[in-house]
Amino acid sequence: MTPVSIAELRATATVDLMTAAAALGLGRSRAYELARRDQFPCRVIRIGGTYRIPTPGLLELLGVTSEVPATTGRPATAGQAHA
């Protein structure tokens, strides 16, 4: 399974079950088993045979805020401390 970055998770409102599973370190079979049993560790939306995971809940489970960190918009110069 390919690792998924926090930036990739923040880029969309929902992710597929395999992306969420990769973020949580779960395999395919275990992820589908948990989703079918309504035991996946975060909210799962089922649309027909497709499972979607709302990104804010997944990020919260991972201990990450869903907002992108703010930047100052200007680079720091040498000798200047970051706030």
C-alpha atoms as a PDB file:
ATOM      1  CA  MET A   1       0.000   0.000   0.000  1.00  0.00           C
ATOM      2  CA  THR A   2       1.307   3.440  -0.903  1.00  0.00           C
ATOM      3  CA  PRO A   3       1.763   5.832   2.046  1.00  0.00           C
ATOM      4  CA  VAL A   4      -0.527   8.851   2.038  1.00  0.00           C
ATOM      5  CA  SER A   5       0.530  12.324   3.181  1.00  0.00           C
ATOM      6  CA  ILE A   6      -1.437  14.719   5.359  1.00  0.00           C
ATOM      7  CA  ALA A   7      -1.387  17.241   2.482  1.00  0.00           C
ATOM      8  CA  GLU A   8      -3.044  14.674   0.200  1.00  0.00           C
ATOM      9  CA  LEU A   9      -5.722  14.015   2.815  1.00  0.00           C
ATOM     10  CA  ARG A  10      -6.414  17.723   3.279  1.00  0.00           C
ATOM     11  CA  ALA A  11      -6.896  18.168  -0.485  1.00  0.00           C
ATOM     12  CA  THR A  12     -10.326  16.518  -0.602  1.00  0.00           C
ATOM     13  CA  ALA A  13     -13.549  16.365   1.424  1.00  0.00           C
ATOM     14  CA  THR A  14     -13.660  12.554   1.378  1.00  0.00           C
ATOM     15  CA  VAL A  15     -11.271   9.723   0.577  1.00  0.00           C
ATOM     16  CA  ASP A  16     -11.868   6.165  -0.521  1.00  0.00           C
ATOM     17  CA  LEU A  17     -11.650   3.323   1.960  1.00  0.00           C
ATOM     18  CA  MET A  18      -8.214   2.187   0.753  1.00  0.00           C
ATOM     19  CA  THR A  19      -6.723   5.663   1.215  1.00  0.00           C
ATOM     20  CA  ALA A  20      -8.115   5.832   4.749  1.00  0.00           C
ATOM     21  CA  ALA A  21      -6.874   2.305   5.418  1.00  0.00           C
ATOM     22  CA  ALA A  22      -3.374   3.242   4.223  1.00  0.00           C
ATOM     23  CA  ALA A  23      -3.358   6.287   6.513  1.00  0.00           C
ATOM     24  CA  LEU A  24      -4.313   4.029   9.432  1.00  0.00           C
ATOM     25  CA  GLY A  25      -1.962   1.180   8.527  1.00  0.00           C
ATOM     26  CA  LEU A  26      -4.803  -1.255   7.779  1.00  0.00           C
ATOM     27  CA  GLY A  27      -4.871  -3.829   5.005  1.00  0.00           C
ATOM     28  CA  ARG A  28      -7.584  -4.109   2.376  1.00  0.00           C
ATOM     29  CA  SER A  29      -9.396  -7.128   3.845  1.00  0.00           C
ATOM     30  CA  ARG A  30      -9.416  -5.733   7.382  1.00  0.00           C
ATOM     31  CA  ALA A  31     -10.621  -2.291   6.210  1.00  0.00           C
ATOM     32  CA  TYR A  32     -13.564  -3.761   4.269  1.00  0.00           C
ATOM     33  CA  GLU A  33     -14.400  -6.114   7.131  1.00  0.00           C
ATOM     34  CA  LEU A  34     -14.512  -3.225   9.611  1.00  0.00           C
ATOM     35  CA  ALA A  35     -16.552  -1.044   7.236  1.00  0.00           C
ATOM     36  CA  ARG A  36     -19.094  -3.828   6.606  1.00  0.00           C
ATOM     37  CA  ARG A  37     -19.498  -4.363  10.357  1.00  0.00           C
ATOM     38  CA  ASP A  38     -19.815  -0.615  11.062  1.00  0.00           C
ATOM     39  CA  GLN A  39     -16.625  -0.887  13.144  1.00  0.00           C
ATOM     40  CA  PHE A  40     -14.261   1.257  11.069  1.00  0.00           C
ATOM     41  CA  PRO A  41     -12.604   3.688  13.520  1.00  0.00           C
ATOM     42  CA  CYS A  42     -14.114   6.777  11.876  1.00  0.00           C
ATOM     43  CA  ARG A  43     -17.314   7.659  10.014  1.00  0.00           C
ATOM     44  CA  VAL A  44     -17.948   5.753   6.786  1.00  0.00           C
ATOM     45  CA  ILE A  45     -20.422   6.815   4.114  1.00  0.00           C
ATOM     46  CA  ARG A  46     -21.686   3.974   1.961  1.00  0.00           C
ATOM     47  CA  ILE A  47     -22.900   4.847  -1.535  1.00  0.00           C
ATOM     48  CA  GLY A  48     -24.046   1.639  -3.186  1.00  0.00           C
ATOM     49  CA  GLY A  49     -20.992  -0.631  -3.016  1.00  0.00           C
ATOM     50  CA  THR A  50     -18.588   2.285  -2.503  1.00  0.00           C
ATOM     51  CA  TYR A  51     -17.248   3.429   0.854  1.00  0.00           C
ATOM     52  CA  ARG A  52     -16.167   7.063   1.370  1.00  0.00           C
ATOM     53  CA  ILE A  53     -14.488   8.445   4.486  1.00  0.00           C
ATOM     54  CA  PRO A  54     -14.995  12.138   5.413  1.00  0.00           C
ATOM     55  CA  THR A  55     -11.509  13.622   5.638  1.00  0.00           C
ATOM     56  CA  PRO A  56     -12.055  15.822   8.743  1.00  0.00           C
ATOM     57  CA  GLY A  57     -12.960  12.767  10.859  1.00  0.00           C
ATOM     58  CA  LEU A  58      -9.992  10.802   9.554  1.00  0.00           C
ATOM     59  CA  LEU A  59      -7.614  13.679  10.260  1.00  0.00           C
ATOM     60  CA  GLU A  60      -9.059  14.028  13.764  1.00  0.00           C
ATOM     61  CA  LEU A  61      -8.509  10.314  14.379  1.00  0.00           C
ATOM     62  CA  LEU A  62      -4.905  10.775  13.244  1.00  0.00           C
ATOM     63  CA  GLY A  63      -4.515  13.723  15.641  1.00  0.00           C
ATOM     64  CA  VAL A  64      -4.186  16.309  12.879  1.00  0.00           C
ATOM     65  CA  THR A  65      -6.348  19.393  12.339  1.00  0.00           C
ATOM     66  CA  SER A  66      -8.179  19.601   9.032  1.00  0.00           C
ATOM     67  CA  GLU A  67      -7.078  23.183   8.406  1.00  0.00           C
ATOM     68  CA  VAL A  68      -3.945  23.937   6.432  1.00  0.00           C
ATOM     69  CA  PRO A  69      -1.374  25.728   8.637  1.00  0.00           C
ATOM     70  CA  ALA A  70      -1.249  29.472   7.978  1.00  0.00           C
ATOM     71  CA  THR A  71       1.898  30.991   6.524  1.00  0.00           C
ATOM     72  CA  THR A  72       3.143  34.545   6.772  1.00  0.00           C
ATOM     73  CA  GLY A  73       3.421  34.911   3.021  1.00  0.00           C
ATOM     74  CA  ARG A  74       6.997  36.205   3.123  1.00  0.00           C
ATOM     75  CA  PRO A  75      10.222  34.269   3.521  1.00  0.00           C
ATOM     76  CA  ALA A  76      12.373  34.770   6.604  1.00  0.00           C
ATOM     77  CA  THR A  77      15.711  36.466   6.067  1.00  0.00           C
ATOM     78  CA  ALA A  78      18.987  35.325   7.591  1.00  0.00           C
ATOM     79  CA  GLY A  79      19.209  36.139  11.281  1.00  0.00           C
ATOM     80  CA  GLN A  80      15.471  36.714  11.587  1.00  0.00           C
ATOM     81  CA  ALA A  81      13.629  34.530  14.104  1.00  0.00           C
ATOM     82  CA  HIS A  82      10.450  32.724  13.116  1.00  0.00           C
ATOM     83  CA  ALA A  83       7.341  33.578  15.115  1.00  0.00           C
END
